[in-house]
Amino acid sequence: MQAIAKVLRRFLLVLSIGILIWMVLSNYIFVFSKSVTGEIMEVERVTQPTAVIGSTMSAEQMFSFAVMIRSETGEIYSASSEDRQWAVAKKGYCVEARFYPYPPWNLDKAGTYFNARLVKVLSDCNRAPPPKAPGEPAASAQVAPAPSPQSAK
């Protein structure tokens, strides 16, 4: 009886691990998606609107974009997208986007992103002030010039 219980426990453990692995692999792009907050460096329509006239293009092909975002850490992310919201996004806008990776078993595209989704447009990128030139005093250290003796008369 104990042998049957032991075999049954092993079977359930193996089955549970198999189901877990299957769930991760079948939802790989969602499990390993990346949320990127930063400034749009480029957003380009892949298919120009003039090419649409008289052709038999699907809506996905018509609203296909290439997106490049510099994150707050300085890392640059790029992806393709079929999200229509990118049509109103412009270079310099600060956004929060979700990037979905190609799975590693898709060897020719592994390590790259697709289907970038525009989550929201932000009002500010929290940019750091530009660096000061060497020898330039800090803004708080600047002192107003003393009045000249002639202006005191």
Protein backbone atom coordinates (compact mmCIF):
# COMPACT_ATOMS: atom_id res chain seq x y z
CA MET A 1 0.00 0.00 0.00
CA GLN A 2 2.83 2.38 0.84
CA ALA A 3 4.51 1.63 -2.48
CA ILE A 4 1.38 2.66 -4.36
CA ALA A 5 1.17 5.91 -2.37
CA LYS A 6 4.84 6.64 -3.08
CA VAL A 7 4.40 6.06 -6.83
CA LEU A 8 1.25 8.17 -6.82
CA ARG A 9 3.05 11.06 -5.07
CA ARG A 10 5.90 10.94 -7.60
CA PHE A 11 3.43 10.84 -10.47
CA LEU A 12 1.56 13.88 -9.11
CA LEU A 13 4.85 15.76 -8.59
CA VAL A 14 5.99 15.04 -12.15
CA LEU A 15 2.54 15.95 -13.48
CA SER A 16 2.53 19.24 -11.53
CA ILE A 17 6.00 20.19 -12.76
CA GLY A 18 4.99 19.30 -16.33
CA ILE A 19 1.87 21.45 -16.14
CA LEU A 20 3.87 24.36 -14.70
CA ILE A 21 6.47 24.13 -17.48
CA TRP A 22 3.74 23.90 -20.11
CA MET A 23 2.00 27.00 -18.69
CA VAL A 24 5.21 29.05 -18.71
CA LEU A 25 6.12 27.98 -22.25
CA SER A 26 2.63 28.55 -23.66
CA ASN A 27 2.49 32.03 -22.08
CA TYR A 28 6.17 32.88 -22.57
CA ILE A 29 5.62 36.31 -24.12
CA PHE A 30 3.40 37.44 -21.26
CA VAL A 31 5.51 35.94 -18.49
CA PHE A 32 8.71 37.57 -19.78
CA SER A 33 7.25 40.83 -21.12
CA LYS A 34 9.05 44.03 -20.18
CA SER A 35 7.53 47.31 -19.06
CA VAL A 36 9.59 50.22 -20.43
CA THR A 37 9.20 53.83 -19.31
CA GLY A 38 11.13 56.45 -21.25
CA GLU A 39 11.34 58.80 -24.19
CA ILE A 40 10.40 57.88 -27.74
CA MET A 41 13.49 58.17 -29.93
CA GLU A 42 11.69 57.09 -33.10
CA VAL A 43 8.29 55.83 -34.11
CA GLU A 44 7.88 55.12 -37.81
CA ARG A 45 5.05 53.70 -39.84
CA VAL A 46 6.36 50.68 -41.71
CA THR A 47 3.84 50.92 -44.56
CA GLN A 48 3.35 54.42 -45.90
CA PRO A 49 -0.27 55.59 -46.31
CA THR A 50 0.28 56.21 -50.03
CA ALA A 51 1.00 52.49 -50.53
CA VAL A 52 -2.41 51.66 -49.07
CA ILE A 53 -4.50 53.17 -51.87
CA GLY A 54 -5.75 50.46 -54.20
CA SER A 55 -4.04 47.61 -52.39
CA THR A 56 -5.48 44.70 -50.48
CA MET A 57 -3.75 45.24 -47.15
CA SER A 58 -5.05 44.03 -43.83
CA ALA A 59 -5.61 46.43 -40.94
CA GLU A 60 -2.58 44.92 -39.17
CA GLN A 61 -0.34 45.69 -42.14
CA MET A 62 -1.77 49.19 -42.47
CA PHE A 63 -1.06 50.04 -38.82
CA SER A 64 2.38 48.49 -38.56
CA PHE A 65 4.99 50.58 -36.70
CA ALA A 66 8.63 50.38 -35.70
CA VAL A 67 9.23 51.84 -32.23
CA MET A 68 12.44 52.82 -30.40
CA ILE A 69 12.41 53.99 -26.77
CA ARG A 70 15.25 55.11 -24.50
CA SER A 71 14.43 53.95 -20.98
CA GLU A 72 15.07 55.99 -17.85
CA THR A 73 18.22 53.91 -17.29
CA GLY A 74 19.53 54.87 -20.74
CA GLU A 75 18.98 51.46 -22.32
CA ILE A 76 17.45 51.53 -25.80
CA TYR A 77 14.60 49.16 -26.72
CA SER A 78 13.11 48.65 -30.16
CA ALA A 79 10.18 46.60 -31.37
CA SER A 80 7.66 46.22 -34.12
CA SER A 81 4.01 46.87 -33.35
CA GLU A 82 0.52 46.73 -34.78
CA ASP A 83 -0.94 48.92 -32.03
CA ARG A 84 -2.87 51.83 -33.59
CA GLN A 85 -2.04 54.05 -30.61
CA TRP A 86 1.49 54.51 -31.98
CA ALA A 87 -0.03 56.57 -34.81
CA VAL A 88 -0.41 59.54 -32.44
CA ALA A 89 2.87 59.09 -30.56
CA LYS A 90 5.67 61.43 -31.61
CA LYS A 91 9.41 61.55 -31.15
CA GLY A 92 10.25 63.10 -27.76
CA TYR A 93 7.06 61.96 -26.00
CA CYS A 94 7.54 60.21 -22.68
CA VAL A 95 5.65 56.94 -22.55
CA GLU A 96 5.12 53.72 -20.69
CA ALA A 97 5.11 50.77 -23.08
CA ARG A 98 4.98 47.00 -22.78
CA PHE A 99 7.44 45.02 -24.94
CA TYR A 100 6.87 41.32 -25.64
CA PRO A 101 9.90 39.11 -26.45
CA TYR A 102 10.08 36.51 -29.15
CA PRO A 103 10.56 33.11 -27.50
CA PRO A 104 14.10 31.68 -27.60
CA TRP A 105 13.02 28.72 -29.73
CA ASN A 106 12.23 31.20 -32.54
CA LEU A 107 15.94 31.25 -33.37
CA ASP A 108 15.99 33.94 -36.07
CA LYS A 109 14.17 36.48 -33.83
CA ALA A 110 15.26 35.37 -30.34
CA GLY A 111 16.33 38.25 -28.11
CA THR A 112 14.19 40.84 -29.90
CA TYR A 113 10.76 42.30 -29.14
CA PHE A 114 7.49 42.52 -31.04
CA ASN A 115 3.97 43.80 -30.50
CA ALA A 116 5.00 46.84 -28.43
CA ARG A 117 1.92 48.23 -26.68
CA LEU A 118 1.56 51.88 -25.74
CA VAL A 119 0.25 51.75 -22.17
CA LYS A 120 0.14 55.49 -21.48
CA VAL A 121 1.68 58.81 -22.41
CA LEU A 122 3.39 60.53 -19.50
CA SER A 123 3.59 64.28 -18.90
CA ASP A 124 7.25 64.29 -17.85
CA CYS A 125 10.29 62.10 -18.43
CA ASN A 126 11.94 63.03 -15.11
CA ARG A 127 14.98 64.16 -17.03
CA ALA A 128 18.08 65.09 -15.10
CA PRO A 129 19.34 68.64 -15.69
CA PRO A 130 22.08 68.92 -18.33
CA PRO A 131 25.59 68.50 -16.96
CA LYS A 132 27.49 71.70 -16.11
CA ALA A 133 30.56 72.66 -18.10
CA PRO A 134 33.86 72.36 -16.21
CA GLY A 135 34.58 75.52 -14.25
CA GLU A 136 30.98 76.75 -14.44
CA PRO A 137 29.66 77.66 -10.98
CA ALA A 138 26.56 75.95 -9.67
CA ALA A 139 23.32 77.93 -9.93
CA SER A 140 23.00 78.27 -6.15
CA ALA A 141 26.56 79.62 -5.88
CA GLN A 142 25.92 82.55 -8.21
CA VAL A 143 25.84 85.85 -6.37
CA ALA A 144 24.37 89.11 -7.64
CA PRO A 145 27.06 91.67 -8.46
CA ALA A 146 27.77 94.23 -5.74
CA PRO A 147 26.54 97.75 -6.53
CA SER A 148 29.23 100.04 -7.84
CA PRO A 149 30.20 103.06 -5.73
CA GLN A 150 28.90 105.43 -8.42
CA SER A 151 25.35 103.97 -8.30
CA ALA A 152 25.28 104.56 -4.54
CA LYS A 153 25.53 108.36 -5.01
